[in-house]
Amino acid sequence: MATGKDRQKQLAREHHERQMRRRIEREQKAKKVAVIGSTVGVVVVVGGIVAATALLGGGDSASEAAADPSASASASAMPTTSETVAAGPKAFDAATGTCDYVADESSPAVKDVGMPPAKVDVKKLPGKMTIKTKQGPIEVKLASDKAPCTVNALAFLAEKGYYDGSKCHRLGNDQFPMLQCGDALAKADGKGETDGAGSPGFRMAEENLEGATYKRGVLAMAKGGQPGTTGSQFFLVYGDIGLTPDYTVVGTITKGLDILDKVNKAGVITPGQDGTGAPKESVEFTDVTTS
């Protein structure tokens, strides 16, 4: 027969195991990359301007704060990843023409095609990205001079076929008009719990942030809640979003906004608490190239 002490030890052990399971679940949730929270977001209107207030990513505390429509933009609503900050990638070194790409060890879903070359000749970077979809082509004028490391990474991923066959997994709403793409492993069927968690296996510093605005026609990179968490995911803006300048503006859409308007009109499969979700009108990339 178990003694009182044995029973106490068993209860303590079970309590510890429950805590560990909850911690693992929280960490897995926090790894999801999204434009406004992992599954939910909060939008506030300040002086007539719609502003999205929660950063990308989001663990339990971020989701809970974002789910409350009365929540305000505050540091408490943002996820924290101290190890990401400590090992953050460096910005582009113009003197040596070097980009800093570091391994992304936080994502549970990785499509690894290698690391982009660190040495970059800005003058030789591509100025255009063409995304062929089953809905038609989307063309983007790239800001190679202002976001060299990001453009270099996009060109590398495109050359490796990273985006081919991928589906845009997150469509916004009237207050947050964007289509998020670039998770090569996303199912985009409204059921994929890991949609938005995909990574190329590396991350980089944000670029071209000074004076950045997210107006109709902008292509910007998605990121986690901390600096230096930009990967392969990006969002195409078909309206105006009042985001803070924390997301790399990598280009301007010159063709294909009509496709985004059509997808937006169709709506989402199963809207989350923030109204966003997988688009009903599927957007699948058949080929992505840069030139």
Protein backbone atom coordinates (compact mmCIF):
# COMPACT_ATOMS: atom_id res chain seq x y z
CA MET A 1 0.00 0.00 0.00
CA ALA A 2 1.30 3.43 -0.92
CA THR A 3 2.28 5.68 1.94
CA GLY A 4 1.24 9.32 2.30
CA LYS A 5 4.69 10.39 1.14
CA ASP A 6 4.49 8.13 -1.92
CA ARG A 7 1.12 9.62 -2.79
CA GLN A 8 2.50 13.15 -2.43
CA LYS A 9 5.42 12.27 -4.71
CA GLN A 10 3.03 10.83 -7.29
CA LEU A 11 0.83 13.92 -7.20
CA ALA A 12 3.86 16.18 -7.52
CA ARG A 13 5.14 14.16 -10.46
CA GLU A 14 1.75 14.29 -12.22
CA HIS A 15 1.54 18.04 -11.60
CA HIS A 16 5.01 18.52 -13.11
CA GLU A 17 4.07 16.45 -16.16
CA ARG A 18 0.92 18.52 -16.71
CA GLN A 19 2.95 21.72 -16.50
CA MET A 20 5.46 20.41 -19.05
CA ARG A 21 2.68 19.42 -21.45
CA ARG A 22 1.11 22.85 -21.18
CA ARG A 23 4.50 24.51 -21.70
CA ILE A 24 5.12 22.47 -24.86
CA GLU A 25 1.64 23.34 -26.15
CA ARG A 26 2.25 27.05 -25.48
CA GLU A 27 5.62 26.95 -27.25
CA GLN A 28 4.10 25.21 -30.27
CA LYS A 29 1.37 27.82 -30.49
CA ALA A 30 3.91 30.62 -30.18
CA LYS A 31 5.81 29.37 -33.21
CA LYS A 32 3.01 30.09 -35.63
CA VAL A 33 3.69 33.02 -37.91
CA ALA A 34 0.75 35.27 -38.71
CA VAL A 35 0.22 38.89 -39.61
CA ILE A 36 -1.96 39.74 -36.60
CA GLY A 37 -1.60 37.04 -33.97
CA SER A 38 -1.44 33.32 -34.76
CA THR A 39 -5.19 32.85 -35.07
CA VAL A 40 -6.79 36.01 -33.75
CA GLY A 41 -6.05 39.72 -33.78
CA VAL A 42 -7.35 43.00 -32.53
CA VAL A 43 -8.13 46.02 -34.66
CA VAL A 44 -8.63 49.41 -33.07
CA VAL A 45 -9.74 52.67 -34.64
CA VAL A 46 -7.70 55.70 -33.64
CA GLY A 47 -8.74 59.04 -35.10
CA GLY A 48 -10.52 57.30 -37.97
CA ILE A 49 -7.45 55.22 -38.88
CA VAL A 50 -7.75 51.46 -38.66
CA ALA A 51 -4.66 50.10 -36.93
CA ALA A 52 -3.76 46.48 -36.38
CA THR A 53 -2.22 46.18 -32.94
CA ALA A 54 -0.85 42.70 -32.26
CA LEU A 55 2.40 41.65 -33.88
CA LEU A 56 3.03 38.43 -35.74
CA GLY A 57 3.21 35.22 -33.85
CA GLY A 58 1.49 34.92 -30.53
CA GLY A 59 1.37 32.54 -27.63
CA ASP A 60 -1.45 32.12 -25.12
CA SER A 61 -1.16 35.58 -23.60
CA ALA A 62 -1.08 37.28 -26.97
CA SER A 63 -4.10 35.36 -28.23
CA GLU A 64 -6.08 36.06 -25.08
CA ALA A 65 -5.33 39.78 -25.25
CA ALA A 66 -6.11 39.92 -28.96
CA ALA A 67 -9.41 38.10 -28.50
CA ASP A 68 -10.66 40.93 -26.29
CA PRO A 69 -12.03 43.66 -28.59
CA SER A 70 -11.41 46.24 -25.88
CA ALA A 71 -7.72 45.40 -25.70
CA SER A 72 -5.29 48.17 -26.62
CA ALA A 73 -1.92 48.02 -28.31
CA SER A 74 0.52 47.18 -25.56
CA ALA A 75 3.65 45.18 -24.95
CA SER A 76 1.62 42.67 -22.93
CA ALA A 77 -0.20 41.61 -26.11
CA MET A 78 3.03 40.81 -27.90
CA PRO A 79 4.79 37.45 -27.74
CA THR A 80 8.28 37.32 -26.28
CA THR A 81 11.08 35.12 -27.50
CA SER A 82 14.22 36.10 -25.63
CA GLU A 83 16.41 33.54 -27.35
CA THR A 84 15.44 35.00 -30.71
CA VAL A 85 16.59 38.45 -29.65
CA ALA A 86 19.88 37.13 -28.26
CA ALA A 87 20.75 35.33 -31.47
CA GLY A 88 19.17 37.84 -33.84
CA PRO A 89 20.57 38.15 -37.37
CA LYS A 90 22.51 41.30 -38.25
CA ALA A 91 21.43 43.89 -40.76
CA PHE A 92 22.97 44.13 -44.24
CA ASP A 93 26.63 45.19 -44.15
CA ALA A 94 26.97 47.54 -47.12
CA ALA A 95 30.75 47.82 -46.69
CA THR A 96 31.30 44.10 -47.27
CA GLY A 97 28.11 43.33 -49.19
CA THR A 98 27.16 40.69 -46.65
CA CYS A 99 23.78 39.45 -45.43
CA ASP A 100 23.33 37.55 -42.20
CA TYR A 101 21.04 34.53 -42.39
CA VAL A 102 20.78 32.41 -39.26
CA ALA A 103 19.21 29.01 -38.66
CA ASP A 104 15.58 29.08 -37.53
CA GLU A 105 15.38 26.46 -34.82
CA SER A 106 11.99 27.54 -33.50
CA SER A 107 9.66 26.25 -36.21
CA PRO A 108 8.20 22.74 -36.06
CA ALA A 109 7.46 22.82 -39.81
CA VAL A 110 10.45 23.34 -42.08
CA LYS A 111 10.91 22.92 -45.82
CA ASP A 112 14.68 23.10 -46.00
CA VAL A 113 16.21 24.05 -49.35
CA GLY A 114 19.43 25.43 -47.89
CA MET A 115 20.70 28.85 -46.87
CA PRO A 116 20.87 31.85 -49.25
CA PRO A 117 24.38 33.04 -50.17
CA ALA A 118 25.64 35.62 -47.70
CA LYS A 119 27.57 37.69 -50.26
CA VAL A 120 25.32 40.01 -52.22
CA ASP A 121 26.01 42.32 -55.15
CA VAL A 122 23.13 44.77 -54.89
CA LYS A 123 23.56 45.87 -58.51
CA LYS A 124 23.00 42.30 -59.71
CA LEU A 125 19.91 41.58 -57.63
CA PRO A 126 16.64 40.99 -59.53
CA GLY A 127 14.17 43.82 -59.85
CA LYS A 128 11.04 41.78 -60.53
CA MET A 129 9.26 38.78 -59.08
CA THR A 130 6.61 36.90 -61.04
CA ILE A 131 4.20 34.67 -59.16
CA LYS A 132 2.25 32.38 -61.46
CA THR A 133 -0.96 31.19 -59.84
CA LYS A 134 -3.95 29.20 -61.02
CA GLN A 135 -5.84 32.50 -60.84
CA GLY A 136 -3.35 34.26 -63.11
CA PRO A 137 0.03 36.00 -62.73
CA ILE A 138 0.99 38.42 -59.97
CA GLU A 139 3.98 40.64 -60.73
CA VAL A 140 5.99 42.58 -58.17
CA LYS A 141 8.59 45.32 -58.59
CA LEU A 142 11.24 44.49 -56.01
CA ALA A 143 12.96 47.09 -53.78
CA SER A 144 16.38 45.51 -54.28
CA ASP A 145 18.28 48.62 -53.24
CA LYS A 146 16.37 49.05 -49.96
CA ALA A 147 15.86 45.42 -49.00
CA PRO A 148 18.85 43.57 -50.53
CA CYS A 149 18.97 40.64 -48.11
CA THR A 150 15.24 40.02 -48.38
CA VAL A 151 15.28 40.18 -52.17
CA ASN A 152 18.34 37.92 -52.22
CA ALA A 153 16.49 35.39 -50.04
CA LEU A 154 13.34 35.52 -52.18
CA ALA A 155 15.39 34.99 -55.34
CA PHE A 156 17.16 32.02 -53.71
CA LEU A 157 13.90 30.42 -52.57
CA ALA A 158 12.30 30.98 -55.97
CA GLU A 159 15.27 29.39 -57.74
CA LYS A 160 15.05 26.36 -55.44
CA GLY A 161 11.33 25.93 -56.18
CA TYR A 162 10.46 26.55 -52.55
CA TYR A 163 7.16 28.29 -53.30
CA ASP A 164 6.02 26.05 -56.16
CA GLY A 165 2.81 24.26 -55.27
CA SER A 166 2.26 26.30 -52.09
CA LYS A 167 -1.06 27.90 -51.21
CA CYS A 168 -1.85 31.24 -49.61
CA HIS A 169 -3.23 30.28 -46.23
CA ARG A 170 -4.65 33.47 -44.71
CA LEU A 171 -7.04 36.06 -46.10
CA GLY A 172 -7.84 39.22 -44.18
CA ASN A 173 -11.02 41.25 -44.06
CA ASP A 174 -12.19 44.79 -44.80
CA GLN A 175 -10.32 46.14 -41.78
CA PHE A 176 -7.23 44.09 -42.49
CA PRO A 177 -7.05 43.71 -46.29
CA MET A 178 -4.20 41.34 -47.02
CA LEU A 179 -3.49 37.84 -48.35
CA GLN A 180 -0.71 35.97 -46.56
CA CYS A 181 1.36 33.43 -48.46
CA GLY A 182 4.79 31.78 -48.39
CA ASP A 183 4.23 28.91 -45.95
CA ALA A 184 5.30 26.10 -48.26
CA LEU A 185 3.66 23.49 -46.01
CA ALA A 186 0.29 25.20 -45.44
CA LYS A 187 -2.83 23.26 -46.44
CA ALA A 188 -5.04 26.36 -46.66
CA ASP A 189 -8.19 24.26 -46.25
CA GLY A 190 -9.52 25.92 -43.12
CA LYS A 191 -8.49 22.91 -41.05
CA GLY A 192 -4.70 23.14 -40.99
CA GLU A 193 -3.73 23.91 -37.41
CA THR A 194 -0.11 24.40 -38.42
CA ASP A 195 -0.83 26.80 -41.29
CA GLY A 196 1.41 29.81 -40.75
CA ALA A 197 4.06 27.84 -38.87
CA GLY A 198 6.09 26.94 -41.96
CA SER A 199 9.70 28.07 -42.24
CA PRO A 200 12.52 27.81 -44.79
CA GLY A 201 14.87 26.90 -41.97
CA PHE A 202 16.46 30.35 -41.75
CA ARG A 203 15.55 33.87 -40.67
CA MET A 204 16.88 37.34 -41.33
CA ALA A 205 16.76 40.92 -40.12
CA GLU A 206 13.95 43.25 -41.20
CA GLU A 207 14.79 45.91 -43.82
CA ASN A 208 13.33 49.03 -45.42
CA LEU A 209 11.35 50.01 -42.33
CA GLU A 210 11.93 53.76 -42.22
CA GLY A 211 8.69 55.47 -43.19
CA ALA A 212 7.17 52.12 -44.16
CA THR A 213 3.43 52.13 -44.88
CA TYR A 214 1.23 49.25 -45.90
CA LYS A 215 -1.02 50.63 -48.60
CA ARG A 216 -2.82 48.89 -51.45
CA GLY A 217 -0.27 47.27 -53.74
CA VAL A 218 2.47 46.70 -51.15
CA LEU A 219 4.18 43.34 -50.74
CA ALA A 220 5.70 43.01 -47.27
CA MET A 221 7.29 40.20 -45.29
CA ALA A 222 5.52 38.50 -42.38
CA LYS A 223 7.49 37.99 -39.18
CA GLY A 224 7.29 36.77 -35.60
CA GLY A 225 6.78 39.00 -32.59
CA GLN A 226 10.48 39.79 -32.19
CA PRO A 227 13.00 41.48 -34.50
CA GLY A 228 15.00 39.22 -36.79
CA THR A 229 12.23 36.70 -37.40
CA THR A 230 11.52 37.33 -41.09
CA GLY A 231 11.51 34.10 -43.08
CA SER A 232 9.73 33.05 -46.28
CA GLN A 233 6.21 34.28 -45.61
CA PHE A 234 4.85 37.52 -47.02
CA PHE A 235 1.57 39.36 -47.37
CA LEU A 236 0.03 41.08 -50.37
CA VAL A 237 -1.95 44.19 -49.47
CA TYR A 238 -5.11 45.00 -51.44
CA GLY A 239 -6.34 47.84 -49.21
CA ASP A 240 -4.74 50.15 -46.63
CA ILE A 241 -3.52 48.76 -43.30
CA GLY A 242 -2.43 50.94 -40.38
CA LEU A 243 0.41 48.68 -39.25
CA THR A 244 3.44 50.00 -37.42
CA PRO A 245 6.61 49.98 -39.58
CA ASP A 246 7.95 46.63 -38.40
CA TYR A 247 7.55 44.53 -41.53
CA THR A 248 9.98 44.62 -44.45
CA VAL A 249 8.47 46.33 -47.47
CA VAL A 250 10.01 44.31 -50.25
CA GLY A 251 8.11 45.46 -53.30
CA THR A 252 5.11 46.89 -55.12
CA ILE A 253 2.48 44.83 -56.92
CA THR A 254 2.32 45.97 -60.54
CA LYS A 255 -0.02 43.28 -61.85
CA GLY A 256 -2.56 40.99 -60.21
CA LEU A 257 -4.41 43.24 -57.76
CA ASP A 258 -7.62 42.21 -59.55
CA ILE A 259 -6.87 38.64 -58.46
CA LEU A 260 -6.60 39.74 -54.84
CA ASP A 261 -9.88 41.67 -55.13
CA LYS A 262 -11.59 38.57 -56.51
CA VAL A 263 -10.22 36.37 -53.74
CA ASN A 264 -11.26 38.92 -51.11
CA LYS A 265 -14.80 39.06 -52.49
CA ALA A 266 -15.17 35.28 -52.13
CA GLY A 267 -14.30 35.47 -48.43
CA VAL A 268 -12.85 32.86 -46.09
CA ILE A 269 -13.74 29.23 -45.40
CA THR A 270 -13.97 29.40 -41.62
CA PRO A 271 -13.33 32.85 -40.14
CA GLY A 272 -11.40 33.08 -36.89
CA GLN A 273 -12.26 35.51 -34.12
CA ASP A 274 -10.50 38.26 -36.05
CA GLY A 275 -12.43 37.46 -39.24
CA THR A 276 -9.42 36.09 -41.12
CA GLY A 277 -8.98 32.55 -42.40
CA ALA A 278 -8.11 30.35 -45.36
CA PRO A 279 -9.55 31.86 -48.56
CA LYS A 280 -12.50 30.16 -50.23
CA GLU A 281 -10.99 31.06 -53.60
CA SER A 282 -7.77 29.06 -53.44
CA VAL A 283 -4.56 30.80 -54.50
CA GLU A 284 -1.95 28.21 -55.41
CA PHE A 285 1.50 29.13 -56.72
CA THR A 286 2.49 27.10 -59.76
CA ASP A 287 5.80 28.85 -60.34
CA VAL A 288 7.71 31.74 -58.78
CA THR A 289 10.62 33.40 -60.58
CA THR A 290 12.73 36.54 -60.26
CA SER A 291 14.45 38.49 -63.00
